[in-house]
Amino acid sequence: MSFDQAAILVLLFGMLVVFALDRVRMEVVALGGLGIGLGLGLVAPAQAFSGFANPAFVTVVEILLIVQVLGRSGLLDGIAARLPAARLGETRALAVLCAVTAALSAFMNNIGALALMIPVVTSVARVGGFDPRRMMMPVSFAALLGGLCSVIGTPANLLVSQQLAERSGSAFAFFDFAWVGVPVAIAGLAAVLLWVRLPLGTAPAGSPRLPGHGARNVVTEVAIPSGSAFAGVATADFPARIHGVRRDGTNLFFQRKGTRLSAGDILLMETDMPRLEGWLGDGTLVSPSPAAGDRIEAVLMPESMLVGSRVGSLESFSARGVRVFAVAAQTPRVEGSLDDLQLGIGDILYLEGEREAIDDAIEEAELLPLRPRPAKPAIGRPLLPVLVFGAGVLMAVFGLAPPELAFGLVVLVLAGAGALNLRQGLAALDWPILIMLGALIPLGLAVETTGAGAVLAAQLIATLPAGEPLALIAAVLVLAVVITPFVNNASTAIVLGPIAVGIADSAGMPVEPFLIAVALGASIDFLTPIGHHNNTVVMGLAGYRFSDFLKAGWPVTLTAVAAGILAIALFWI
């Protein structure tokens, strides 16, 4: 193995480890890795930024822009209005929600499909009296399964399609992935409906049924008023977890034995929302700076500009008189004051203020309100965005134009019709993910150009039964499944794609089934809340624990892997 071959493999492995540790922002890791690749001569200077012009990258950007318009078009208004009124049982309602989510996800990125469905799921759970914990995770899984069925359903499909185009001059057709994706989606959805709700259990009778209400604890700041029953109570005996006490403007060392609370103390504490509202309602605790108006809950989506920000730095909220009253945060680190709390994907913000001001702040910050509200049509004819997008899909399906050109035309038409403000749309994109994607593409190409993929493939084949093509494909699929819970699916596809091509070449087999296996394995992460943003979002919404995904997801994963191997054997070998 040459220096270049060893260097690119070590570099990519090191980046995957850093991705998995989640201590450094993903775009910083990717750009740093690209810089090291340039310094070592693994990536030619002329190719350094080629990833940002790659058709897969361009298509992802276009789809994200289109999804913004579809989200405002009232696409799901009919379902949102009729499904709760239908009064279906939990299983039937969940089956409809999962089917609709999977169908949407085949034609847009899966986080966009989930974002469109969350208000519908919330409404169905509230009206039907269902436990949202038993609905959010299945719908998230359905979005991942639906994305397997088309070239645009997930970035992994786009990336391996582009890898095939670079190899053979012809990419996968729009629905080539459906030969495997549809059987896997059907089998996976059956496993979701039959199994996933069992390990999640049910909420206690009479408990709140809305995401964010009683599903998990919230962090908030409250003051102890004069005459409160908590005045004089020892901090060790306080019936909620205290993270900090501020007295007369200074932080109190409240862990000291015998420390007691006093009137005027400001507590940074963690408790469930019903208990907090009870204390505020009877005057036992008060808000240090109450805001008049409504209270709205909104979840922090991956594309939000607030990800990584601290509560005290949200100028778009404070300028409108909107206050963050509490946060259902996933971070275990809570200290200082509420203003010091750092926000992450899936956190739920409880906002207080005038309804119109809250709506404006939510829209600007790219949050997803949990309370259904009337959709704002993108233009005077709400169906126009859907029809234009459908035309773009048909162009890609029938090969009239490659996906990046077909959906680029859709973006232009929507912008020309006033449905899409490109300036605002581009600002609202999930740029950390996009920058990471653009930076990793040249490094993935270097695996092939240095010959590292071929060398690694030869070593893998030496340990696998080369006379059994299906065993080689299954090994690639399982390898992708093992890696993707710790990094995102795009990174898995970029790294494993060239290796899969090398294995196919060494075995004298077509590359298509191997690339299909990479895309499939990279996109079926049902075991952790960190391998895909969909799972991260619903973890915050429904208050799941890390172990809940492992307990609920392993049968779905096994079912998807088995169905995928069988479908590849039937349709691609």
Protein backbone atom coordinates (compact mmCIF):
# COMPACT_ATOMS: atom_id res chain seq x y z
CA MET A 1 0.00 0.00 0.00
CA SER A 2 1.43 3.38 -1.06
CA PHE A 3 1.69 6.46 1.16
CA ASP A 4 -1.26 8.16 -0.59
CA GLN A 5 -3.46 5.10 -0.22
CA ALA A 6 -2.66 4.70 3.48
CA ALA A 7 -2.98 8.44 4.10
CA ILE A 8 -6.47 8.82 2.62
CA LEU A 9 -7.77 5.81 4.54
CA VAL A 10 -6.26 7.02 7.82
CA LEU A 11 -7.60 10.53 7.19
CA LEU A 12 -11.14 9.35 6.51
CA PHE A 13 -11.12 6.94 9.43
CA GLY A 14 -9.94 9.73 11.73
CA MET A 15 -12.67 12.03 10.44
CA LEU A 16 -15.32 9.36 11.07
CA VAL A 17 -14.07 9.02 14.65
CA VAL A 18 -14.24 12.79 15.20
CA PHE A 19 -17.73 12.86 13.63
CA ALA A 20 -18.83 10.14 16.04
CA LEU A 21 -17.43 11.98 19.10
CA ASP A 22 -19.58 15.01 18.20
CA ARG A 23 -17.21 17.43 19.96
CA VAL A 24 -16.38 19.56 16.90
CA ARG A 25 -18.87 21.02 14.43
CA MET A 26 -19.29 18.68 11.46
CA GLU A 27 -18.51 21.33 8.83
CA VAL A 28 -15.28 22.22 10.65
CA VAL A 29 -14.24 18.56 10.67
CA ALA A 30 -15.02 18.21 6.96
CA LEU A 31 -13.22 21.40 5.92
CA GLY A 32 -10.28 20.50 8.16
CA GLY A 33 -10.07 17.07 6.55
CA LEU A 34 -10.22 18.64 3.09
CA GLY A 35 -7.39 21.00 4.08
CA ILE A 36 -5.25 18.08 5.26
CA GLY A 37 -6.03 16.23 2.04
CA LEU A 38 -4.85 19.24 0.03
CA GLY A 39 -1.70 19.59 2.13
CA LEU A 40 -0.80 15.93 1.64
CA GLY A 41 -1.47 16.07 -2.09
CA LEU A 42 -4.35 13.61 -1.88
CA VAL A 43 -6.72 16.15 -3.44
CA ALA A 44 -5.62 18.30 -6.37
CA PRO A 45 -6.07 22.07 -5.81
CA ALA A 46 -8.31 22.26 -8.87
CA GLN A 47 -10.62 19.67 -7.28
CA ALA A 48 -10.75 21.20 -3.80
CA PHE A 49 -14.17 22.79 -4.23
CA SER A 50 -15.51 20.50 -6.92
CA GLY A 51 -17.89 18.99 -4.38
CA PHE A 52 -19.92 22.20 -4.32
CA ALA A 53 -20.50 21.89 -8.06
CA ASN A 54 -21.24 18.18 -7.88
CA PRO A 55 -24.69 17.30 -9.26
CA ALA A 56 -25.57 15.49 -6.03
CA PHE A 57 -24.79 18.60 -3.97
CA VAL A 58 -26.73 20.86 -6.35
CA THR A 59 -29.75 18.55 -6.29
CA VAL A 60 -29.80 18.44 -2.47
CA VAL A 61 -29.82 22.26 -2.34
CA GLU A 62 -32.64 22.42 -4.90
CA ILE A 63 -34.77 19.87 -3.07
CA LEU A 64 -34.33 21.71 0.22
CA LEU A 65 -35.47 24.95 -1.40
CA ILE A 66 -38.49 23.26 -2.95
CA VAL A 67 -39.47 21.66 0.38
CA GLN A 68 -39.60 25.13 1.96
CA VAL A 69 -42.23 26.13 -0.57
CA LEU A 70 -44.20 22.89 -0.23
CA GLY A 71 -44.27 23.36 3.54
CA ARG A 72 -46.13 26.66 3.06
CA SER A 73 -48.40 25.45 0.28
CA GLY A 74 -51.01 23.72 2.43
CA LEU A 75 -50.04 20.38 0.88
CA LEU A 76 -51.26 18.41 3.90
CA ASP A 77 -54.12 20.66 5.00
CA GLY A 78 -56.74 18.11 3.90
CA ILE A 79 -55.11 15.29 5.85
CA ALA A 80 -54.55 17.52 8.88
CA ALA A 81 -58.23 18.43 8.91
CA ARG A 82 -59.83 15.07 8.08
CA LEU A 83 -57.66 12.47 9.80
CA PRO A 84 -58.27 13.65 13.40
CA ALA A 85 -62.00 13.92 12.68
CA ALA A 86 -62.08 10.36 11.32
CA ARG A 87 -61.64 9.04 14.87
CA LEU A 88 -59.59 6.04 13.76
CA GLY A 89 -58.05 3.69 16.28
CA GLU A 90 -54.38 4.10 17.11
CA THR A 91 -53.16 1.37 14.76
CA ARG A 92 -55.18 2.57 11.76
CA ALA A 93 -54.29 6.21 12.36
CA LEU A 94 -50.61 5.34 12.68
CA ALA A 95 -50.75 3.24 9.51
CA VAL A 96 -52.16 6.19 7.55
CA LEU A 97 -49.59 8.59 9.03
CA CYS A 98 -46.69 6.25 8.24
CA ALA A 99 -47.93 5.59 4.69
CA VAL A 100 -48.32 9.29 3.92
CA THR A 101 -44.91 10.07 5.43
CA ALA A 102 -43.19 7.34 3.42
CA ALA A 103 -44.87 8.50 0.20
CA LEU A 104 -43.79 12.11 0.81
CA SER A 105 -40.25 11.05 1.65
CA ALA A 106 -39.85 9.33 -1.72
CA PHE A 107 -40.13 12.71 -3.44
CA MET A 108 -38.33 15.02 -1.00
CA ASN A 109 -35.62 14.78 1.63
CA ASN A 110 -36.80 12.79 4.63
CA ILE A 111 -36.31 15.55 7.20
CA GLY A 112 -38.60 17.73 5.07
CA ALA A 113 -41.23 14.99 4.99
CA LEU A 114 -41.03 14.63 8.76
CA ALA A 115 -41.34 18.40 9.25
CA LEU A 116 -44.53 18.45 7.18
CA MET A 117 -46.01 15.57 9.18
CA ILE A 118 -45.18 16.60 12.76
CA PRO A 119 -48.12 19.05 13.09
CA VAL A 120 -50.44 16.40 11.63
CA VAL A 121 -49.18 13.76 14.08
CA THR A 122 -49.56 16.24 16.95
CA SER A 123 -53.15 16.98 15.95
CA VAL A 124 -54.06 13.30 15.55
CA ALA A 125 -52.53 12.43 18.93
CA ARG A 126 -54.33 15.27 20.69
CA VAL A 127 -57.78 14.64 19.18
CA GLY A 128 -57.56 10.86 19.38
CA GLY A 129 -56.12 10.82 22.90
CA PHE A 130 -53.11 8.80 21.72
CA ASP A 131 -49.72 8.78 23.41
CA PRO A 132 -47.38 10.73 21.06
CA ARG A 133 -44.44 8.59 22.24
CA ARG A 134 -46.06 5.70 20.38
CA MET A 135 -46.45 7.74 17.18
CA MET A 136 -43.44 10.04 16.72
CA MET A 137 -40.76 7.36 16.42
CA PRO A 138 -42.77 5.21 13.95
CA VAL A 139 -43.39 8.25 11.74
CA SER A 140 -39.68 9.13 11.84
CA PHE A 141 -38.82 5.56 10.80
CA ALA A 142 -41.41 5.76 8.01
CA ALA A 143 -39.70 8.87 6.62
CA LEU A 144 -36.38 7.01 6.48
CA LEU A 145 -37.99 4.02 4.76
CA GLY A 146 -39.79 6.12 2.15
CA GLY A 147 -36.56 7.87 1.21
CA LEU A 148 -35.14 4.56 -0.04
CA CYS A 149 -37.42 4.50 -3.07
CA SER A 150 -36.09 7.26 -5.36
CA VAL A 151 -32.87 8.94 -6.33
CA ILE A 152 -33.84 12.13 -4.45
CA GLY A 153 -35.29 10.45 -1.37
CA THR A 154 -32.04 10.67 0.58
CA PRO A 155 -28.60 12.21 -0.05
CA ALA A 156 -27.03 8.74 0.03
CA ASN A 157 -29.01 7.74 -3.07
CA LEU A 158 -27.92 10.88 -4.90
CA LEU A 159 -24.29 10.34 -3.97
CA VAL A 160 -24.05 6.72 -5.10
CA SER A 161 -25.92 7.64 -8.27
CA GLN A 162 -23.26 10.25 -8.98
CA GLN A 163 -20.52 7.73 -8.17
CA LEU A 164 -22.07 5.39 -10.75
CA ALA A 165 -22.18 8.22 -13.30
CA GLU A 166 -18.49 8.98 -12.75
CA ARG A 167 -17.70 5.31 -13.16
CA SER A 168 -19.88 4.33 -16.12
CA GLY A 169 -21.08 7.63 -17.58
CA SER A 170 -24.70 6.83 -16.71
CA ALA A 171 -26.36 7.44 -13.33
CA PHE A 172 -29.19 5.48 -11.75
CA ALA A 173 -32.63 6.28 -13.15
CA PHE A 174 -35.06 8.11 -10.87
CA PHE A 175 -36.85 4.97 -9.63
CA ASP A 176 -34.03 2.41 -9.96
CA PHE A 177 -33.79 2.46 -6.17
CA ALA A 178 -37.46 1.46 -5.93
CA TRP A 179 -36.71 -2.15 -6.94
CA VAL A 180 -35.08 -2.56 -3.54
CA GLY A 181 -36.53 0.45 -1.72
CA VAL A 182 -40.20 -0.48 -2.10
CA PRO A 183 -39.89 -4.05 -0.74
CA VAL A 184 -37.70 -2.79 2.11
CA ALA A 185 -40.15 0.04 2.87
CA ILE A 186 -43.14 -2.32 2.91
CA ALA A 187 -41.38 -4.86 5.14
CA GLY A 188 -40.00 -2.10 7.35
CA LEU A 189 -43.38 -0.41 7.77
CA ALA A 190 -44.92 -3.74 8.74
CA ALA A 191 -42.23 -4.15 11.40
CA VAL A 192 -42.82 -0.58 12.58
CA LEU A 193 -46.56 -1.12 13.01
CA LEU A 194 -46.20 -4.54 14.64
CA TRP A 195 -43.27 -3.90 16.96
CA VAL A 196 -42.11 -0.33 17.59
CA ARG A 197 -44.94 0.66 19.96
CA LEU A 198 -44.43 -2.38 22.22
CA PRO A 199 -41.14 -1.37 23.91
CA LEU A 200 -42.26 2.27 24.12
CA GLY A 201 -45.16 1.42 26.43
CA THR A 202 -47.99 3.84 27.16
CA ALA A 203 -48.27 7.04 29.16
CA PRO A 204 -49.94 6.78 32.59
CA ALA A 205 -53.67 7.36 32.59
CA GLY A 206 -54.58 11.03 32.75
CA SER A 207 -51.10 12.23 31.76
CA PRO A 208 -50.79 14.98 29.14
CA ARG A 209 -50.81 13.79 25.56
CA LEU A 210 -49.03 16.58 23.74
CA PRO A 211 -45.36 16.48 22.77
CA GLY A 212 -43.44 18.66 25.15
CA HIS A 213 -46.19 18.55 27.81
CA GLY A 214 -45.16 16.01 30.39
CA ALA A 215 -43.22 13.96 27.83
CA ARG A 216 -39.93 15.23 29.26
CA ASN A 217 -38.60 17.74 31.76
CA VAL A 218 -38.07 21.39 30.96
CA VAL A 219 -35.38 23.79 32.15
CA THR A 220 -36.65 27.17 33.29
CA GLU A 221 -35.91 30.10 35.59
CA VAL A 222 -38.35 30.98 38.38
CA ALA A 223 -38.32 33.24 41.44
CA ILE A 224 -39.48 32.49 44.97
CA PRO A 225 -41.97 35.18 45.99
CA SER A 226 -42.49 36.50 49.49
CA GLY A 227 -44.68 34.14 51.49
CA SER A 228 -43.97 31.14 49.26
CA ALA A 229 -44.08 27.70 50.83
CA PHE A 230 -40.60 27.12 49.36
CA ALA A 231 -39.03 29.98 51.35
CA GLY A 232 -36.87 28.34 53.99
CA VAL A 233 -36.89 24.90 52.33
CA ALA A 234 -33.48 23.23 52.17
CA THR A 235 -32.15 22.96 48.62
CA ALA A 236 -31.67 19.22 49.15
CA ASP A 237 -35.39 18.86 49.90
CA PHE A 238 -36.67 20.92 46.96
CA PRO A 239 -39.10 18.78 44.88
CA ALA A 240 -37.35 19.49 41.56
CA ARG A 241 -33.80 19.38 40.32
CA ILE A 242 -31.97 22.65 40.97
CA HIS A 243 -29.15 23.59 38.58
CA GLY A 244 -28.41 27.01 40.01
CA VAL A 245 -29.51 29.58 42.59
CA ARG A 246 -29.00 33.31 42.18
CA ARG A 247 -29.41 35.54 45.26
CA ASP A 248 -28.95 39.31 45.16
CA GLY A 249 -27.36 39.05 41.73
CA THR A 250 -24.69 36.49 42.66
CA ASN A 251 -24.63 32.72 42.24
CA LEU A 252 -25.15 30.77 45.44
CA PHE A 253 -23.23 27.62 46.30
CA PHE A 254 -26.47 25.78 46.88
CA GLN A 255 -24.99 22.26 47.19
CA ARG A 256 -23.56 23.13 50.59
CA LYS A 257 -25.25 21.08 53.32
CA GLY A 258 -27.97 23.00 55.13
CA THR A 259 -28.40 25.70 52.46
CA ARG A 260 -31.97 27.00 52.47
CA LEU A 261 -33.93 28.96 49.90
CA SER A 262 -35.09 32.50 50.57
CA ALA A 263 -37.73 34.79 49.12
CA GLY A 264 -36.28 36.60 46.13
CA ASP A 265 -34.01 33.71 45.08
CA ILE A 266 -34.00 32.94 41.36
CA LEU A 267 -33.79 29.23 40.59
CA LEU A 268 -32.53 27.56 37.43
CA MET A 269 -34.42 24.31 37.75
CA GLU A 270 -35.62 21.26 35.87
CA THR A 271 -39.06 19.72 36.27
CA ASP A 272 -42.04 18.54 34.24
CA MET A 273 -44.36 21.12 32.71
CA PRO A 274 -47.60 20.17 34.58
CA ARG A 275 -45.87 20.53 37.95
CA LEU A 276 -44.27 23.83 36.92
CA GLU A 277 -47.59 25.23 35.70
CA GLY A 278 -49.20 24.19 39.00
CA TRP A 279 -46.60 26.07 41.04
CA LEU A 280 -46.91 29.14 38.84
CA GLY A 281 -50.70 28.96 38.97
CA ASP A 282 -50.94 28.92 42.78
CA GLY A 283 -48.22 31.55 43.24
CA THR A 284 -45.71 29.23 44.93
CA LEU A 285 -43.26 30.29 42.23
CA VAL A 286 -43.32 33.25 39.85
CA SER A 287 -41.65 34.09 36.58
CA PRO A 288 -38.78 36.60 36.98
CA SER A 289 -39.76 38.44 33.77
CA PRO A 290 -43.22 37.39 32.55
CA ALA A 291 -44.34 38.27 29.04
CA ALA A 292 -47.96 39.01 28.21
CA GLY A 293 -49.70 37.12 25.44
CA ASP A 294 -49.77 33.52 24.25
CA ARG A 295 -47.46 30.61 24.94
CA ILE A 296 -46.40 28.55 21.93
CA GLU A 297 -44.19 25.48 21.70
CA ALA A 298 -41.75 25.10 18.80
CA VAL A 299 -39.10 22.51 18.04
CA LEU A 300 -35.59 23.33 16.84
CA MET A 301 -35.13 21.78 13.38
CA PRO A 302 -31.72 20.91 11.85
CA GLU A 303 -31.86 23.84 9.42
CA SER A 304 -32.62 26.42 12.13
CA MET A 305 -30.10 29.21 12.53
CA LEU A 306 -30.52 28.88 16.32
CA VAL A 307 -28.73 25.51 16.54
CA GLY A 308 -25.68 26.06 18.76
CA SER A 309 -26.91 29.47 19.99
CA ARG A 310 -27.49 30.35 23.62
CA VAL A 311 -30.91 31.42 24.86
CA GLY A 312 -29.66 34.85 25.86
CA SER A 313 -28.36 35.63 22.38
CA LEU A 314 -31.67 35.22 20.49
CA GLU A 315 -31.97 38.80 19.22
CA SER A 316 -34.73 37.94 16.76
CA PHE A 317 -36.90 36.98 19.76
CA SER A 318 -36.02 39.76 22.20
CA ALA A 319 -36.46 42.43 19.51
CA ARG A 320 -40.07 41.28 19.09
CA GLY A 321 -40.81 41.06 22.80
CA VAL A 322 -40.83 37.26 22.66
CA ARG A 323 -39.43 35.47 25.72
CA VAL A 324 -38.11 31.93 25.99
CA PHE A 325 -40.00 30.78 29.08
CA ALA A 326 -38.57 27.25 29.23
CA VAL A 327 -36.62 24.75 27.13
CA ALA A 328 -37.03 20.98 26.91
CA ALA A 329 -33.33 20.51 26.25
CA GLN A 330 -31.46 17.35 25.32
CA THR A 331 -28.10 18.57 26.59
CA PRO A 332 -27.13 17.15 30.02
CA ARG A 333 -25.07 20.27 30.77
CA VAL A 334 -27.19 22.94 32.46
CA GLU A 335 -25.48 25.61 34.52
CA GLY A 336 -25.37 29.35 35.11
CA SER A 337 -28.68 30.84 33.98
CA LEU A 338 -31.32 30.05 31.38
CA ASP A 339 -29.64 32.58 29.09
CA ASP A 340 -26.50 30.40 29.13
CA LEU A 341 -28.30 27.26 27.91
CA GLN A 342 -27.00 26.15 24.49
CA LEU A 343 -29.68 24.98 22.05
CA GLY A 344 -29.49 21.83 19.95
CA ILE A 345 -31.50 19.98 17.32
CA GLY A 346 -34.76 18.62 18.73
CA ASP A 347 -34.96 21.01 21.70
CA ILE A 348 -38.45 22.36 22.37
CA LEU A 349 -38.74 26.08 23.10
CA TYR A 350 -41.68 27.40 25.12
CA LEU A 351 -42.21 30.94 23.86
CA GLU A 352 -44.25 33.72 25.47
CA GLY A 353 -45.42 36.90 23.77
CA GLU A 354 -47.91 38.28 21.29
CA ARG A 355 -49.03 35.57 18.87
CA GLU A 356 -48.14 37.52 15.74
CA ALA A 357 -44.67 38.33 17.09
CA ILE A 358 -44.09 34.68 18.01
CA ASP A 359 -45.19 33.53 14.54
CA ASP A 360 -42.79 35.99 12.90
CA ALA A 361 -39.91 34.90 15.14
CA ILE A 362 -40.63 31.21 14.52
CA GLU A 363 -40.68 31.71 10.76
CA GLU A 364 -37.46 33.74 10.76
CA ALA A 365 -35.62 31.25 12.98
CA GLU A 366 -36.86 28.19 11.02
CA LEU A 367 -38.54 26.58 14.02
CA LEU A 368 -41.43 24.16 13.72
CA PRO A 369 -44.49 25.12 15.82
CA LEU A 370 -46.14 22.14 17.49
CA ARG A 371 -49.58 23.71 17.59
CA PRO A 372 -51.16 23.50 14.13
CA ARG A 373 -51.78 26.92 12.63
CA PRO A 374 -53.31 28.04 9.35
CA ALA A 375 -50.85 27.54 6.54
CA LYS A 376 -49.67 30.60 4.67
CA PRO A 377 -49.98 29.84 0.97
CA ALA A 378 -46.75 30.53 -0.85
CA ILE A 379 -48.69 32.28 -3.60
CA GLY A 380 -52.28 33.00 -4.49
CA ARG A 381 -52.67 29.53 -6.01
CA PRO A 382 -51.54 27.01 -3.38
CA LEU A 383 -51.55 24.07 -5.81
CA LEU A 384 -49.04 25.69 -8.15
CA PRO A 385 -45.93 24.65 -6.13
CA VAL A 386 -47.20 21.06 -6.00
CA LEU A 387 -47.90 20.98 -9.75
CA VAL A 388 -44.55 22.54 -10.65
CA PHE A 389 -42.70 20.09 -8.40
CA GLY A 390 -44.67 17.21 -9.91
CA ALA A 391 -43.63 18.35 -13.38
CA GLY A 392 -39.99 18.34 -12.26
CA VAL A 393 -40.35 14.82 -10.89
CA LEU A 394 -41.84 13.64 -14.19
CA MET A 395 -38.98 15.22 -16.15
CA ALA A 396 -36.49 13.32 -13.99
CA VAL A 397 -38.47 10.05 -14.08
CA PHE A 398 -38.73 9.95 -17.89
CA GLY A 399 -35.14 11.06 -18.42
CA LEU A 400 -36.06 14.36 -20.07
CA ALA A 401 -33.46 16.04 -17.88
CA PRO A 402 -31.08 14.92 -15.12
CA PRO A 403 -32.39 15.62 -11.59
CA GLU A 404 -30.17 18.63 -11.00
CA LEU A 405 -31.51 20.33 -14.13
CA ALA A 406 -35.13 19.25 -13.66
CA PHE A 407 -35.31 20.54 -10.09
CA GLY A 408 -33.24 23.58 -10.96
CA LEU A 409 -35.98 24.49 -13.42
CA VAL A 410 -38.57 23.95 -10.66
CA VAL A 411 -36.67 26.37 -8.41
CA LEU A 412 -36.55 28.98 -11.17
CA VAL A 413 -40.29 28.68 -11.89
CA LEU A 414 -41.17 28.93 -8.20
CA ALA A 415 -38.91 31.95 -7.77
CA GLY A 416 -40.36 33.59 -10.88
CA ALA A 417 -43.90 32.99 -9.65
CA GLY A 418 -43.13 34.61 -6.30
CA ALA A 419 -43.49 31.35 -4.37
CA LEU A 420 -39.83 31.25 -3.39
CA ASN A 421 -37.66 34.08 -2.16
CA LEU A 422 -34.21 32.79 -3.09
CA ARG A 423 -32.41 35.11 -0.71
CA GLN A 424 -34.43 33.97 2.27
CA GLY A 425 -34.55 30.37 1.07
CA LEU A 426 -30.79 30.07 0.75
CA ALA A 427 -30.28 31.68 4.15
CA ALA A 428 -32.61 29.11 5.72
CA LEU A 429 -30.77 26.04 4.37
CA ASP A 430 -28.95 23.62 6.67
CA TRP A 431 -25.52 24.91 5.65
CA PRO A 432 -23.41 22.89 8.13
CA ILE A 433 -24.65 19.67 6.51
CA LEU A 434 -24.24 21.10 3.00
CA ILE A 435 -20.71 22.36 3.67
CA MET A 436 -19.78 18.99 5.10
CA LEU A 437 -21.22 17.28 2.03
CA GLY A 438 -19.34 19.53 -0.40
CA ALA A 439 -16.06 19.12 1.46
CA LEU A 440 -16.28 15.33 1.72
CA ILE A 441 -17.00 14.65 -1.95
CA PRO A 442 -13.40 15.35 -3.14
CA LEU A 443 -12.06 13.17 -0.32
CA GLY A 444 -14.37 10.35 -1.38
CA LEU A 445 -13.12 10.72 -4.93
CA ALA A 446 -9.54 10.49 -3.64
CA VAL A 447 -10.28 7.00 -2.30
CA GLU A 448 -10.72 5.92 -5.91
CA THR A 449 -8.05 8.04 -7.60
CA THR A 450 -5.32 6.96 -5.16
CA GLY A 451 -6.30 3.31 -5.60
CA ALA A 452 -7.04 2.98 -1.88
CA GLY A 453 -10.49 1.64 -2.59
CA ALA A 454 -9.14 -1.14 -4.80
CA VAL A 455 -6.48 -2.11 -2.24
CA LEU A 456 -8.96 -2.20 0.62
CA ALA A 457 -11.44 -4.10 -1.55
CA ALA A 458 -8.84 -6.75 -2.35
CA GLN A 459 -8.10 -7.22 1.34
CA LEU A 460 -11.80 -7.52 2.17
CA ILE A 461 -12.39 -10.03 -0.62
CA ALA A 462 -9.54 -12.15 0.71
CA THR A 463 -11.52 -12.62 3.93
CA LEU A 464 -14.93 -13.11 2.28
CA PRO A 465 -16.29 -15.92 0.11
CA ALA A 466 -15.49 -14.49 -3.32
CA GLY A 467 -17.48 -17.19 -5.06
CA GLU A 468 -20.66 -15.96 -3.39
CA PRO A 469 -21.66 -12.59 -4.90
CA LEU A 470 -24.57 -12.15 -2.53
CA ALA A 471 -22.27 -12.63 0.47
CA LEU A 472 -20.05 -9.78 -0.75
CA ILE A 473 -23.05 -7.49 -1.26
CA ALA A 474 -24.46 -8.44 2.15
CA ALA A 475 -21.10 -7.63 3.75
CA VAL A 476 -21.10 -4.15 2.17
CA LEU A 477 -24.69 -3.57 3.30
CA VAL A 478 -23.97 -4.65 6.88
CA LEU A 479 -20.80 -2.52 6.98
CA ALA A 480 -22.85 0.54 5.99
CA VAL A 481 -25.48 -0.28 8.63
CA VAL A 482 -22.76 -0.53 11.30
CA ILE A 483 -21.11 2.78 10.37
CA THR A 484 -24.10 5.05 9.80
CA PRO A 485 -25.39 5.20 13.42
CA PHE A 486 -22.18 7.01 14.37
CA VAL A 487 -21.95 9.41 11.41
CA ASN A 488 -24.52 10.73 8.94
CA ASN A 489 -25.64 8.75 5.91
CA ALA A 490 -24.02 11.10 3.40
CA SER A 491 -20.57 10.55 4.95
CA THR A 492 -21.12 6.79 4.93
CA ALA A 493 -22.03 6.82 1.23
CA ILE A 494 -19.07 9.02 0.30
CA VAL A 495 -16.57 6.82 2.13
CA LEU A 496 -17.98 3.37 1.31
CA GLY A 497 -19.04 4.05 -2.30
CA PRO A 498 -15.53 3.88 -3.82
CA ILE A 499 -14.69 0.86 -1.66
CA ALA A 500 -17.83 -0.91 -2.90
CA VAL A 501 -16.83 -0.13 -6.49
CA GLY A 502 -13.41 -1.65 -5.80
CA ILE A 503 -14.97 -4.80 -4.38
CA ALA A 504 -17.21 -5.14 -7.45
CA ASP A 505 -14.23 -4.72 -9.78
CA SER A 506 -12.10 -7.23 -7.87
CA ALA A 507 -14.93 -9.75 -7.93
CA GLY A 508 -15.68 -9.11 -11.60
CA MET A 509 -19.26 -8.08 -10.83
CA PRO A 510 -21.43 -5.10 -11.85
CA VAL A 511 -21.08 -2.14 -9.49
CA GLU A 512 -24.80 -1.29 -9.36
CA PRO A 513 -25.87 -3.84 -6.69
CA PHE A 514 -22.94 -2.85 -4.48
CA LEU A 515 -23.80 0.85 -4.68
CA ILE A 516 -27.46 0.06 -4.00
CA ALA A 517 -26.31 -1.84 -0.90
CA VAL A 518 -24.23 1.16 0.27
CA ALA A 519 -27.15 3.58 -0.16
CA LEU A 520 -29.56 1.22 1.59
CA GLY A 521 -27.29 0.50 4.52
CA ALA A 522 -26.45 4.18 4.97
CA SER A 523 -30.12 5.15 5.18
CA ILE A 524 -31.69 2.65 7.59
CA ASP A 525 -30.49 3.91 10.94
CA PHE A 526 -33.18 2.93 13.42
CA LEU A 527 -30.82 2.15 16.30
CA THR A 528 -29.69 5.56 17.56
CA PRO A 529 -31.00 9.13 17.80
CA ILE A 530 -27.75 10.55 16.39
CA GLY A 531 -27.31 8.77 13.07
CA HIS A 532 -30.07 10.76 11.38
CA HIS A 533 -31.61 14.15 12.17
CA ASN A 534 -35.13 12.72 11.99
CA ASN A 535 -34.45 10.60 15.06
CA THR A 536 -32.79 13.51 16.86
CA VAL A 537 -35.85 15.70 16.31
CA VAL A 538 -38.40 13.17 17.55
CA MET A 539 -36.21 12.34 20.55
CA GLY A 540 -36.75 15.90 21.74
CA LEU A 541 -40.43 15.95 20.80
CA ALA A 542 -41.47 12.78 22.60
CA GLY A 543 -38.83 12.58 25.31
CA TYR A 544 -37.27 9.31 24.21
CA ARG A 545 -34.15 7.94 25.83
CA PHE A 546 -31.15 6.78 23.79
CA SER A 547 -31.96 3.17 24.65
CA ASP A 548 -35.52 3.51 23.33
CA PHE A 549 -34.21 3.62 19.77
CA LEU A 550 -32.13 0.50 20.30
CA LYS A 551 -35.04 -1.42 21.82
CA ALA A 552 -37.56 -0.28 19.21
CA GLY A 553 -35.27 -0.20 16.18
CA TRP A 554 -33.45 -3.51 16.13
CA PRO A 555 -36.32 -5.58 14.60
CA VAL A 556 -36.89 -2.87 11.98
CA THR A 557 -33.18 -2.88 11.14
CA LEU A 558 -33.02 -6.66 10.83
CA THR A 559 -36.19 -6.70 8.72
CA ALA A 560 -34.86 -3.98 6.40
CA VAL A 561 -31.48 -5.69 5.99
CA ALA A 562 -33.06 -9.08 5.23
CA ALA A 563 -35.58 -7.58 2.79
CA GLY A 564 -32.82 -5.55 1.14
CA ILE A 565 -30.55 -8.54 0.57
CA LEU A 566 -33.44 -10.56 -0.86
CA ALA A 567 -34.54 -7.71 -3.15
CA ILE A 568 -31.00 -7.14 -4.43
CA ALA A 569 -30.70 -10.86 -5.15
CA LEU A 570 -33.98 -10.83 -7.08
CA PHE A 571 -33.61 -7.61 -9.07
CA TRP A 572 -29.92 -6.71 -9.35
CA ILE A 573 -27.91 -9.93 -9.57
